[in-house]
């Protein structure tokens, strides 16, 4: 089990921040397409394993649980800083520094409270403590061992006249697996600004649609979609949630629809009787043909 992160408290500015993030948030395709993060707000303390065909993902929790979809915001922010630097032709390394203020600005928190700052430091802890093992290649390499999203995480604080400590600069070291994916593979996508107002399942639906639609509707069996979303709910509850998403029609850039399809092959139940129950298929459709969704990231 990974140890807790080194959240360092010191007086004065330890680090010089990278440039503020400009434009849209950006994400790497593999991190968008597969269920690396817990959907639950309640700490997931048990190891998690996903298998989709030959692809496998194993996740070990930190002392405070598996990194969540809300913790993922930090990874998206750092990935966006890296993609921005590459687009500018700048040399990039695994270390990134930024202000908590800019992170909150980008993720839509206009007036961060003490609770927001606590959630942020908790996210750094889970991102450093959660361990992942996967056979997904990045940069034409497969990492055989375990890695954490952030191999290092530190924050500098200043002491205010009233004795409170105010966070100034955050410094993190991005894992090699994701660093290679952004630097060498270049499969980087823009995120819609409304992404941060979505619930966890809606975020996953948006990411999966963003990876697979590419201007055209895609259909996916509900069983496969549930697996890719990372849902731990029963299939009936997951279907109920999808129906609510379809009815509200609030997902940015994409529409979600469910349809029943009669199986082409005859299936028999345990008594040898023909089964006529249709399969449920989920249709993800772009609201309009996206422009510039896929960015070009220069290879090293």
C-alpha atoms as a PDB file:
ATOM      1  CA  UNK A   1       0.000   0.000   0.000  1.00  0.00           C
ATOM      2  CA  UNK A   2       1.370   3.430  -0.939  1.00  0.00           C
ATOM      3  CA  UNK A   3       2.341   5.881   1.777  1.00  0.00           C
ATOM      4  CA  UNK A   4       0.703   9.244   2.245  1.00  0.00           C
ATOM      5  CA  UNK A   5       1.941  12.074   0.000  1.00  0.00           C
ATOM      6  CA  UNK A   6       4.442  14.682   1.053  1.00  0.00           C
ATOM      7  CA  UNK A   7       2.154  17.707   1.368  1.00  0.00           C
ATOM      8  CA  UNK A   8       4.776  20.182   2.583  1.00  0.00           C
ATOM      9  CA  UNK A   9       3.871  23.293   4.581  1.00  0.00           C
ATOM     10  CA  UNK A  10       6.471  26.048   4.520  1.00  0.00           C
ATOM     11  CA  UNK A  11       6.499  29.817   4.721  1.00  0.00           C
ATOM     12  CA  UNK A  12       7.022  31.735   1.509  1.00  0.00           C
ATOM     13  CA  UNK A  13       6.886  30.669  -2.128  1.00  0.00           C
ATOM     14  CA  UNK A  14       8.828  27.463  -2.757  1.00  0.00           C
ATOM     15  CA  UNK A  15       8.202  27.242  -6.473  1.00  0.00           C
ATOM     16  CA  UNK A  16       7.635  29.419  -9.511  1.00  0.00           C
ATOM     17  CA  UNK A  17       4.295  28.485 -11.074  1.00  0.00           C
ATOM     18  CA  UNK A  18       3.900  27.503 -14.708  1.00  0.00           C
ATOM     19  CA  UNK A  19       1.773  29.773 -16.885  1.00  0.00           C
ATOM     20  CA  UNK A  20      -1.935  29.943 -16.054  1.00  0.00           C
ATOM     21  CA  UNK A  21      -4.024  27.602 -18.173  1.00  0.00           C
ATOM     22  CA  UNK A  22      -5.580  29.306 -21.182  1.00  0.00           C
ATOM     23  CA  UNK A  23      -8.438  27.982 -23.293  1.00  0.00           C
ATOM     24  CA  UNK A  24     -10.211  24.699 -22.739  1.00  0.00           C
ATOM     25  CA  UNK A  25      -9.301  21.844 -20.444  1.00  0.00           C
ATOM     26  CA  UNK A  26      -7.735  18.934 -22.334  1.00  0.00           C
ATOM     27  CA  UNK A  27      -7.560  15.222 -21.633  1.00  0.00           C
ATOM     28  CA  UNK A  28      -5.643  12.192 -22.902  1.00  0.00           C
ATOM     29  CA  UNK A  29      -7.701   9.549 -24.704  1.00  0.00           C
ATOM     30  CA  UNK A  30      -6.823   6.470 -22.604  1.00  0.00           C
ATOM     31  CA  UNK A  31      -7.621   8.295 -19.363  1.00  0.00           C
ATOM     32  CA  UNK A  32     -10.914   9.426 -20.926  1.00  0.00           C
ATOM     33  CA  UNK A  33     -11.924   6.061 -22.373  1.00  0.00           C
ATOM     34  CA  UNK A  34     -11.306   3.672 -19.476  1.00  0.00           C
ATOM     35  CA  UNK A  35     -12.524   3.509 -15.844  1.00  0.00           C
ATOM     36  CA  UNK A  36      -9.443   4.508 -13.858  1.00  0.00           C
ATOM     37  CA  UNK A  37     -11.313   6.557 -11.228  1.00  0.00           C
ATOM     38  CA  UNK A  38     -13.992   5.697  -8.658  1.00  0.00           C
ATOM     39  CA  UNK A  39     -17.484   7.080  -9.278  1.00  0.00           C
ATOM     40  CA  UNK A  40     -18.452   7.098  -5.610  1.00  0.00           C
ATOM     41  CA  UNK A  41     -17.973  10.042  -3.249  1.00  0.00           C
ATOM     42  CA  UNK A  42     -17.670   7.492  -0.440  1.00  0.00           C
ATOM     43  CA  UNK A  43     -14.117   6.169  -0.126  1.00  0.00           C
ATOM     44  CA  UNK A  44     -13.572   2.929  -2.074  1.00  0.00           C
ATOM     45  CA  UNK A  45     -11.175   0.917   0.092  1.00  0.00           C
ATOM     46  CA  UNK A  46     -11.175  -2.362  -1.832  1.00  0.00           C
ATOM     47  CA  UNK A  47      -8.908  -3.119  -4.822  1.00  0.00           C
ATOM     48  CA  UNK A  48     -10.681  -2.744  -8.166  1.00  0.00           C
ATOM     49  CA  UNK A  49     -10.074  -4.728 -11.345  1.00  0.00           C
ATOM     50  CA  UNK A  50     -11.481  -4.215 -14.843  1.00  0.00           C
ATOM     51  CA  UNK A  51     -11.097  -6.481 -17.851  1.00  0.00           C
ATOM     52  CA  UNK A  52     -12.377  -5.441 -21.252  1.00  0.00           C
ATOM     53  CA  UNK A  53     -11.285  -8.009 -23.840  1.00  0.00           C
ATOM     54  CA  UNK A  54      -7.511  -8.336 -23.540  1.00  0.00           C
ATOM     55  CA  UNK A  55      -7.218  -5.012 -21.738  1.00  0.00           C
ATOM     56  CA  UNK A  56      -6.793  -5.084 -17.977  1.00  0.00           C
ATOM     57  CA  UNK A  57      -6.732  -2.406 -15.273  1.00  0.00           C
ATOM     58  CA  UNK A  58      -5.944  -3.103 -11.620  1.00  0.00           C
ATOM     59  CA  UNK A  59      -6.326  -0.378  -8.989  1.00  0.00           C
ATOM     60  CA  UNK A  60      -5.140  -0.424  -5.383  1.00  0.00           C
ATOM     61  CA  UNK A  61      -6.563   2.170  -2.979  1.00  0.00           C
ATOM     62  CA  UNK A  62      -4.541   4.640  -0.966  1.00  0.00           C
ATOM     63  CA  UNK A  63      -5.011   4.937   2.787  1.00  0.00           C
ATOM     64  CA  UNK A  64      -7.972   7.233   2.034  1.00  0.00           C
ATOM     65  CA  UNK A  65      -9.383   5.215  -0.865  1.00  0.00           C
ATOM     66  CA  UNK A  66      -9.206   5.030  -4.657  1.00  0.00           C
ATOM     67  CA  UNK A  67      -8.787   8.328  -6.520  1.00  0.00           C
ATOM     68  CA  UNK A  68     -12.222   9.594  -7.573  1.00  0.00           C
ATOM     69  CA  UNK A  69     -13.689  11.276 -10.641  1.00  0.00           C
ATOM     70  CA  UNK A  70     -13.481  14.566  -8.740  1.00  0.00           C
ATOM     71  CA  UNK A  71      -9.790  13.951  -7.977  1.00  0.00           C
ATOM     72  CA  UNK A  72      -9.360  13.429 -11.711  1.00  0.00           C
ATOM     73  CA  UNK A  73      -9.855  17.183 -12.157  1.00  0.00           C
ATOM     74  CA  UNK A  74      -6.269  17.678 -10.941  1.00  0.00           C
ATOM     75  CA  UNK A  75      -4.976  15.223 -13.556  1.00  0.00           C
ATOM     76  CA  UNK A  76      -6.969  16.972 -16.288  1.00  0.00           C
ATOM     77  CA  UNK A  77      -5.582  20.332 -15.199  1.00  0.00           C
ATOM     78  CA  UNK A  78      -1.961  19.105 -15.207  1.00  0.00           C
ATOM     79  CA  UNK A  79      -2.443  17.313 -18.551  1.00  0.00           C
ATOM     80  CA  UNK A  80      -3.829  20.576 -19.939  1.00  0.00           C
ATOM     81  CA  UNK A  81      -0.779  22.516 -18.740  1.00  0.00           C
ATOM     82  CA  UNK A  82       1.449  19.958 -20.461  1.00  0.00           C
ATOM     83  CA  UNK A  83      -0.538  19.987 -23.718  1.00  0.00           C
ATOM     84  CA  UNK A  84      -0.495  23.800 -23.678  1.00  0.00           C
ATOM     85  CA  UNK A  85       3.294  23.851 -23.314  1.00  0.00           C
ATOM     86  CA  UNK A  86       3.736  21.329 -26.149  1.00  0.00           C
ATOM     87  CA  UNK A  87       1.446  23.351 -28.391  1.00  0.00           C
ATOM     88  CA  UNK A  88       3.643  26.390 -27.734  1.00  0.00           C
ATOM     89  CA  UNK A  89       6.746  24.433 -28.689  1.00  0.00           C
ATOM     90  CA  UNK A  90       8.129  24.491 -25.160  1.00  0.00           C
ATOM     91  CA  UNK A  91      10.229  21.746 -23.610  1.00  0.00           C
ATOM     92  CA  UNK A  92       8.203  19.707 -21.130  1.00  0.00           C
ATOM     93  CA  UNK A  93       9.231  17.634 -18.136  1.00  0.00           C
ATOM     94  CA  UNK A  94       7.269  15.611 -15.603  1.00  0.00           C
ATOM     95  CA  UNK A  95       7.270  18.333 -12.933  1.00  0.00           C
ATOM     96  CA  UNK A  96       4.527  20.967 -12.953  1.00  0.00           C
ATOM     97  CA  UNK A  97       3.801  23.835 -10.605  1.00  0.00           C
ATOM     98  CA  UNK A  98       0.645  25.910 -10.450  1.00  0.00           C
ATOM     99  CA  UNK A  99      -1.473  27.979  -8.119  1.00  0.00           C
ATOM    100  CA  UNK A 100      -4.521  26.527  -6.414  1.00  0.00           C
ATOM    101  CA  UNK A 101      -6.292  29.740  -7.450  1.00  0.00           C
ATOM    102  CA  UNK A 102      -5.832  28.940 -11.156  1.00  0.00           C
ATOM    103  CA  UNK A 103      -6.957  25.337 -10.637  1.00  0.00           C
ATOM    104  CA  UNK A 104     -10.163  26.504  -8.949  1.00  0.00           C
ATOM    105  CA  UNK A 105     -10.733  29.112 -11.674  1.00  0.00           C
ATOM    106  CA  UNK A 106     -10.506  26.499 -14.422  1.00  0.00           C
ATOM    107  CA  UNK A 107     -12.725  23.961 -12.637  1.00  0.00           C
ATOM    108  CA  UNK A 108     -15.451  26.509 -11.936  1.00  0.00           C
ATOM    109  CA  UNK A 109     -14.965  27.219  -8.217  1.00  0.00           C
ATOM    110  CA  UNK A 110     -15.247  31.013  -8.065  1.00  0.00           C
ATOM    111  CA  UNK A 111     -14.868  31.449  -4.313  1.00  0.00           C
ATOM    112  CA  UNK A 112     -13.037  28.445  -2.865  1.00  0.00           C
ATOM    113  CA  UNK A 113     -13.772  27.742   0.791  1.00  0.00           C
ATOM    114  CA  UNK A 114     -11.645  25.990   3.397  1.00  0.00           C
ATOM    115  CA  UNK A 115     -13.603  22.852   2.529  1.00  0.00           C
ATOM    116  CA  UNK A 116     -12.623  23.215  -1.155  1.00  0.00           C
ATOM    117  CA  UNK A 117      -8.959  23.511  -0.187  1.00  0.00           C
ATOM    118  CA  UNK A 118      -9.270  20.455   2.050  1.00  0.00           C
ATOM    119  CA  UNK A 119     -10.841  18.468  -0.777  1.00  0.00           C
ATOM    120  CA  UNK A 120      -8.002  19.592  -3.023  1.00  0.00           C
ATOM    121  CA  UNK A 121      -5.284  18.382  -0.624  1.00  0.00           C
ATOM    122  CA  UNK A 122      -7.240  15.133  -0.119  1.00  0.00           C
ATOM    123  CA  UNK A 123      -7.270  14.707  -3.913  1.00  0.00           C
ATOM    124  CA  UNK A 124      -3.490  15.124  -4.063  1.00  0.00           C
ATOM    125  CA  UNK A 125      -3.156  12.448  -1.390  1.00  0.00           C
ATOM    126  CA  UNK A 126      -5.352   9.938  -3.220  1.00  0.00           C
ATOM    127  CA  UNK A 127      -3.716  10.649  -6.575  1.00  0.00           C
ATOM    128  CA  UNK A 128      -0.299   9.966  -5.095  1.00  0.00           C
ATOM    129  CA  UNK A 129      -1.434   6.996  -3.016  1.00  0.00           C
ATOM    130  CA  UNK A 130      -3.662   5.164  -5.514  1.00  0.00           C
ATOM    131  CA  UNK A 131      -1.675   2.566  -7.479  1.00  0.00           C
ATOM    132  CA  UNK A 132      -2.488   1.358 -10.989  1.00  0.00           C
ATOM    133  CA  UNK A 133      -1.306  -1.547 -13.090  1.00  0.00           C
ATOM    134  CA  UNK A 134      -2.455  -1.828 -16.710  1.00  0.00           C
ATOM    135  CA  UNK A 135      -1.389  -3.331 -20.024  1.00  0.00           C
ATOM    136  CA  UNK A 136      -2.528  -0.225 -21.931  1.00  0.00           C
ATOM    137  CA  UNK A 137       0.420   1.006 -23.978  1.00  0.00           C
ATOM    138  CA  UNK A 138       1.580   4.613 -23.953  1.00  0.00           C
ATOM    139  CA  UNK A 139       4.444   5.776 -26.123  1.00  0.00           C
ATOM    140  CA  UNK A 140       4.728   2.209 -27.511  1.00  0.00           C
ATOM    141  CA  UNK A 141       5.593   0.925 -24.017  1.00  0.00           C
ATOM    142  CA  UNK A 142       3.791  -1.194 -21.421  1.00  0.00           C
ATOM    143  CA  UNK A 143       4.553  -0.612 -17.746  1.00  0.00           C
ATOM    144  CA  UNK A 144       4.679  -3.989 -16.006  1.00  0.00           C
ATOM    145  CA  UNK A 145       4.741  -2.619 -12.470  1.00  0.00           C
ATOM    146  CA  UNK A 146       2.503  -0.361 -10.420  1.00  0.00           C
ATOM    147  CA  UNK A 147       2.434   3.431 -10.765  1.00  0.00           C
ATOM    148  CA  UNK A 148       0.614   6.335  -9.125  1.00  0.00           C
ATOM    149  CA  UNK A 149      -0.902   9.278 -10.997  1.00  0.00           C
ATOM    150  CA  UNK A 150       1.388  11.633  -9.089  1.00  0.00           C
ATOM    151  CA  UNK A 151       4.742  10.303  -7.925  1.00  0.00           C
ATOM    152  CA  UNK A 152       5.232  13.491  -5.890  1.00  0.00           C
ATOM    153  CA  UNK A 153       2.887  16.185  -4.589  1.00  0.00           C
ATOM    154  CA  UNK A 154       3.826  19.196  -2.487  1.00  0.00           C
ATOM    155  CA  UNK A 155       2.218  22.514  -1.584  1.00  0.00           C
ATOM    156  CA  UNK A 156       3.748  25.691  -0.209  1.00  0.00           C
ATOM    157  CA  UNK A 157       1.828  27.885   2.227  1.00  0.00           C
ATOM    158  CA  UNK A 158       2.280  31.344   3.701  1.00  0.00           C
ATOM    159  CA  UNK A 159       1.255  32.211   7.237  1.00  0.00           C
ATOM    160  CA  UNK A 160      -1.218  35.089   7.402  1.00  0.00           C
ATOM    161  CA  UNK A 161      -1.241  37.772  10.138  1.00  0.00           C
ATOM    162  CA  UNK A 162      -4.189  36.027  11.832  1.00  0.00           C
ATOM    163  CA  UNK A 163      -2.244  32.758  12.023  1.00  0.00           C
ATOM    164  CA  UNK A 164      -4.094  31.012   9.172  1.00  0.00           C
ATOM    165  CA  UNK A 165      -2.076  29.270   6.463  1.00  0.00           C
ATOM    166  CA  UNK A 166      -2.822  30.152   2.850  1.00  0.00           C
ATOM    167  CA  UNK A 167      -1.913  27.787   0.016  1.00  0.00           C
ATOM    168  CA  UNK A 168       0.144  29.414  -2.715  1.00  0.00           C
ATOM    169  CA  UNK A 169       2.058  27.101  -5.050  1.00  0.00           C
ATOM    170  CA  UNK A 170       1.441  23.421  -5.755  1.00  0.00           C
ATOM    171  CA  UNK A 171       4.093  21.224  -7.343  1.00  0.00           C
ATOM    172  CA  UNK A 172       3.442  17.727  -8.689  1.00  0.00           C
ATOM    173  CA  UNK A 173       5.356  15.111 -10.664  1.00  0.00           C
ATOM    174  CA  UNK A 174       3.249  13.365 -13.286  1.00  0.00           C
ATOM    175  CA  UNK A 175       3.646   9.601 -13.734  1.00  0.00           C
ATOM    176  CA  UNK A 176       5.685   8.310 -16.691  1.00  0.00           C
ATOM    177  CA  UNK A 177       2.712   6.393 -18.112  1.00  0.00           C
ATOM    178  CA  UNK A 178       0.572   9.491 -18.648  1.00  0.00           C
ATOM    179  CA  UNK A 179       3.541  11.717 -19.478  1.00  0.00           C
ATOM    180  CA  UNK A 180       4.467   9.392 -22.370  1.00  0.00           C
ATOM    181  CA  UNK A 181       0.875   9.283 -23.596  1.00  0.00           C
ATOM    182  CA  UNK A 182       0.644  13.064 -23.829  1.00  0.00           C
ATOM    183  CA  UNK A 183       4.156  13.633 -25.164  1.00  0.00           C
ATOM    184  CA  UNK A 184       4.457  10.778 -27.668  1.00  0.00           C
ATOM    185  CA  UNK A 185       0.951   9.626 -28.579  1.00  0.00           C
ATOM    186  CA  UNK A 186      -0.682  13.050 -28.767  1.00  0.00           C
ATOM    187  CA  UNK A 187      -4.288  11.809 -28.460  1.00  0.00           C
ATOM    188  CA  UNK A 188      -5.466  14.936 -26.678  1.00  0.00           C
ATOM    189  CA  UNK A 189      -9.088  16.133 -26.685  1.00  0.00           C
ATOM    190  CA  UNK A 190     -10.769  19.356 -25.622  1.00  0.00           C
ATOM    191  CA  UNK A 191     -13.303  19.173 -22.795  1.00  0.00           C
ATOM    192  CA  UNK A 192     -16.502  21.209 -22.806  1.00  0.00           C
ATOM    193  CA  UNK A 193     -16.545  23.830 -20.022  1.00  0.00           C
ATOM    194  CA  UNK A 194     -19.778  22.338 -18.612  1.00  0.00           C
ATOM    195  CA  UNK A 195     -18.001  19.052 -17.857  1.00  0.00           C
ATOM    196  CA  UNK A 196     -17.261  20.197 -14.301  1.00  0.00           C
ATOM    197  CA  UNK A 197     -20.931  20.662 -13.444  1.00  0.00           C
ATOM    198  CA  UNK A 198     -21.789  17.053 -14.335  1.00  0.00           C
ATOM    199  CA  UNK A 199     -22.226  14.100 -11.985  1.00  0.00           C
ATOM    200  CA  UNK A 200     -19.718  11.265 -12.137  1.00  0.00           C
ATOM    201  CA  UNK A 201     -21.659   8.948 -14.472  1.00  0.00           C
ATOM    202  CA  UNK A 202     -22.501  11.864 -16.757  1.00  0.00           C
ATOM    203  CA  UNK A 203     -18.808  12.771 -16.875  1.00  0.00           C
ATOM    204  CA  UNK A 204     -17.959   9.250 -17.953  1.00  0.00           C
ATOM    205  CA  UNK A 205     -20.698   9.243 -20.615  1.00  0.00           C
ATOM    206  CA  UNK A 206     -19.336  12.507 -21.995  1.00  0.00           C
ATOM    207  CA  UNK A 207     -15.757  11.202 -22.073  1.00  0.00           C
ATOM    208  CA  UNK A 208     -16.698   7.922 -23.766  1.00  0.00           C
ATOM    209  CA  UNK A 209     -18.829   9.717 -26.354  1.00  0.00           C
ATOM    210  CA  UNK A 210     -16.015  12.218 -26.953  1.00  0.00           C
ATOM    211  CA  UNK A 211     -13.578   9.358 -27.636  1.00  0.00           C
ATOM    212  CA  UNK A 212     -15.781   7.285 -29.918  1.00  0.00           C
ATOM    213  CA  UNK A 213     -18.305   9.436 -31.778  1.00  0.00           C
ATOM    214  CA  UNK A 214     -15.882  11.426 -33.966  1.00  0.00           C
ATOM    215  CA  UNK A 215     -18.742  13.242 -35.700  1.00  0.00           C
ATOM    216  CA  UNK A 216     -21.027  10.212 -36.009  1.00  0.00           C
ATOM    217  CA  UNK A 217     -23.363   8.328 -33.677  1.00  0.00           C
ATOM    218  CA  UNK A 218     -22.088   5.156 -32.044  1.00  0.00           C
ATOM    219  CA  UNK A 219     -24.047   2.289 -30.514  1.00  0.00           C
ATOM    220  CA  UNK A 220     -22.859   0.284 -27.540  1.00  0.00           C
ATOM    221  CA  UNK A 221     -24.497  -2.614 -25.659  1.00  0.00           C
ATOM    222  CA  UNK A 222     -25.515  -1.419 -22.218  1.00  0.00           C
ATOM    223  CA  UNK A 223     -23.382  -4.137 -20.599  1.00  0.00           C
ATOM    224  CA  UNK A 224     -20.252  -2.842 -22.338  1.00  0.00           C
ATOM    225  CA  UNK A 225     -21.079   0.786 -21.551  1.00  0.00           C
ATOM    226  CA  UNK A 226     -21.607  -0.048 -17.876  1.00  0.00           C
ATOM    227  CA  UNK A 227     -18.171  -1.674 -17.797  1.00  0.00           C
ATOM    228  CA  UNK A 228     -16.474   1.263 -19.523  1.00  0.00           C
ATOM    229  CA  UNK A 229     -18.193   3.767 -17.243  1.00  0.00           C
ATOM    230  CA  UNK A 230     -16.976   1.785 -14.236  1.00  0.00           C
ATOM    231  CA  UNK A 231     -20.422   1.462 -12.707  1.00  0.00           C
ATOM    232  CA  UNK A 232     -20.768  -0.878  -9.732  1.00  0.00           C
ATOM    233  CA  UNK A 233     -24.575  -0.620  -9.706  1.00  0.00           C
ATOM    234  CA  UNK A 234     -26.844  -3.359 -11.018  1.00  0.00           C
ATOM    235  CA  UNK A 235     -27.597  -3.235 -14.728  1.00  0.00           C
ATOM    236  CA  UNK A 236     -31.226  -2.294 -14.013  1.00  0.00           C
ATOM    237  CA  UNK A 237     -30.160   0.696 -11.871  1.00  0.00           C
ATOM    238  CA  UNK A 238     -27.619   1.749 -14.464  1.00  0.00           C
ATOM    239  CA  UNK A 239     -30.321   1.597 -17.156  1.00  0.00           C
ATOM    240  CA  UNK A 240     -32.609   3.669 -14.961  1.00  0.00           C
ATOM    241  CA  UNK A 241     -29.881   6.297 -14.609  1.00  0.00           C
ATOM    242  CA  UNK A 242     -29.344   6.363 -18.379  1.00  0.00           C
ATOM    243  CA  UNK A 243     -33.069   6.902 -18.922  1.00  0.00           C
ATOM    244  CA  UNK A 244     -32.893   9.909 -16.596  1.00  0.00           C
ATOM    245  CA  UNK A 245     -29.941  11.280 -18.579  1.00  0.00           C
ATOM    246  CA  UNK A 246     -31.884  10.739 -21.818  1.00  0.00           C
ATOM    247  CA  UNK A 247     -34.936  12.540 -20.418  1.00  0.00           C
ATOM    248  CA  UNK A 248     -33.035  15.537 -19.045  1.00  0.00           C
ATOM    249  CA  UNK A 249     -30.924  15.833 -22.222  1.00  0.00           C
ATOM    250  CA  UNK A 250     -28.345  17.971 -20.403  1.00  0.00           C
ATOM    251  CA  UNK A 251     -25.144  16.257 -21.545  1.00  0.00           C
ATOM    252  CA  UNK A 252     -22.934  18.809 -23.358  1.00  0.00           C
ATOM    253  CA  UNK A 253     -22.181  18.109 -27.032  1.00  0.00           C
ATOM    254  CA  UNK A 254     -23.863  14.691 -27.071  1.00  0.00           C
ATOM    255  CA  UNK A 255     -27.279  13.073 -26.814  1.00  0.00           C
ATOM    256  CA  UNK A 256     -27.934   9.753 -25.076  1.00  0.00           C
ATOM    257  CA  UNK A 257     -30.720   7.426 -26.226  1.00  0.00           C
ATOM    258  CA  UNK A 258     -31.670   3.854 -25.364  1.00  0.00           C
ATOM    259  CA  UNK A 259     -33.208   1.426 -27.800  1.00  0.00           C
ATOM    260  CA  UNK A 260     -34.199  -2.226 -27.677  1.00  0.00           C
ATOM    261  CA  UNK A 261     -32.839  -4.591 -30.315  1.00  0.00           C
ATOM    262  CA  UNK A 262     -34.146  -8.092 -30.980  1.00  0.00           C
ATOM    263  CA  UNK A 263     -31.172 -10.504 -30.980  1.00  0.00           C
ATOM    264  CA  UNK A 264     -30.367 -11.912 -34.404  1.00  0.00           C
ATOM    265  CA  UNK A 265     -29.489 -15.297 -32.920  1.00  0.00           C
ATOM    266  CA  UNK A 266     -31.999 -17.545 -31.176  1.00  0.00           C
ATOM    267  CA  UNK A 267     -31.333 -17.904 -27.454  1.00  0.00           C
ATOM    268  CA  UNK A 268     -32.826 -20.466 -25.111  1.00  0.00           C
ATOM    269  CA  UNK A 269     -33.493 -20.208 -21.398  1.00  0.00           C
ATOM    270  CA  UNK A 270     -32.667 -22.945 -18.863  1.00  0.00           C
ATOM    271  CA  UNK A 271     -35.853 -24.827 -19.821  1.00  0.00           C
ATOM    272  CA  UNK A 272     -35.050 -24.798 -23.508  1.00  0.00           C
ATOM    273  CA  UNK A 273     -37.619 -22.130 -24.321  1.00  0.00           C
ATOM    274  CA  UNK A 274     -36.872 -19.410 -26.848  1.00  0.00           C
ATOM    275  CA  UNK A 275     -35.926 -16.110 -25.247  1.00  0.00           C
ATOM    276  CA  UNK A 276     -37.512 -13.059 -26.839  1.00  0.00           C
ATOM    277  CA  UNK A 277     -36.292 -10.375 -24.454  1.00  0.00           C
ATOM    278  CA  UNK A 278     -34.582  -7.653 -26.504  1.00  0.00           C
ATOM    279  CA  UNK A 279     -31.084  -6.372 -25.830  1.00  0.00           C
ATOM    280  CA  UNK A 280     -30.628  -2.773 -24.734  1.00  0.00           C
ATOM    281  CA  UNK A 281     -28.319  -0.660 -26.845  1.00  0.00           C
ATOM    282  CA  UNK A 282     -27.181   2.853 -25.921  1.00  0.00           C
ATOM    283  CA  UNK A 283     -26.815   5.357 -28.748  1.00  0.00           C
ATOM    284  CA  UNK A 284     -24.411   8.280 -28.285  1.00  0.00           C
ATOM    285  CA  UNK A 285     -24.939  11.019 -30.873  1.00  0.00           C
ATOM    286  CA  UNK A 286     -23.048  14.302 -31.403  1.00  0.00           C
ATOM    287  CA  UNK A 287     -25.319  17.344 -31.296  1.00  0.00           C
ATOM    288  CA  UNK A 288     -23.259  18.812 -34.139  1.00  0.00           C
ATOM    289  CA  UNK A 289     -20.134  17.840 -35.977  1.00  0.00           C
ATOM    290  CA  UNK A 290     -17.252  18.802 -33.665  1.00  0.00           C
ATOM    291  CA  UNK A 291     -14.556  21.116 -34.954  1.00  0.00           C
ATOM    292  CA  UNK A 292     -11.039  20.855 -33.675  1.00  0.00           C
ATOM    293  CA  UNK A 293     -11.899  18.255 -31.030  1.00  0.00           C
ATOM    294  CA  UNK A 294      -8.708  16.318 -31.626  1.00  0.00           C
ATOM    295  CA  UNK A 295      -5.594  18.374 -31.086  1.00  0.00           C
ATOM    296  CA  UNK A 296      -2.192  17.671 -32.493  1.00  0.00           C
ATOM    297  CA  UNK A 297       0.489  17.230 -29.866  1.00  0.00           C
ATOM    298  CA  UNK A 298       4.031  17.148 -31.172  1.00  0.00           C
ATOM    299  CA  UNK A 299       6.009  14.004 -30.526  1.00  0.00           C
ATOM    300  CA  UNK A 300       9.234  14.313 -28.638  1.00  0.00           C
END
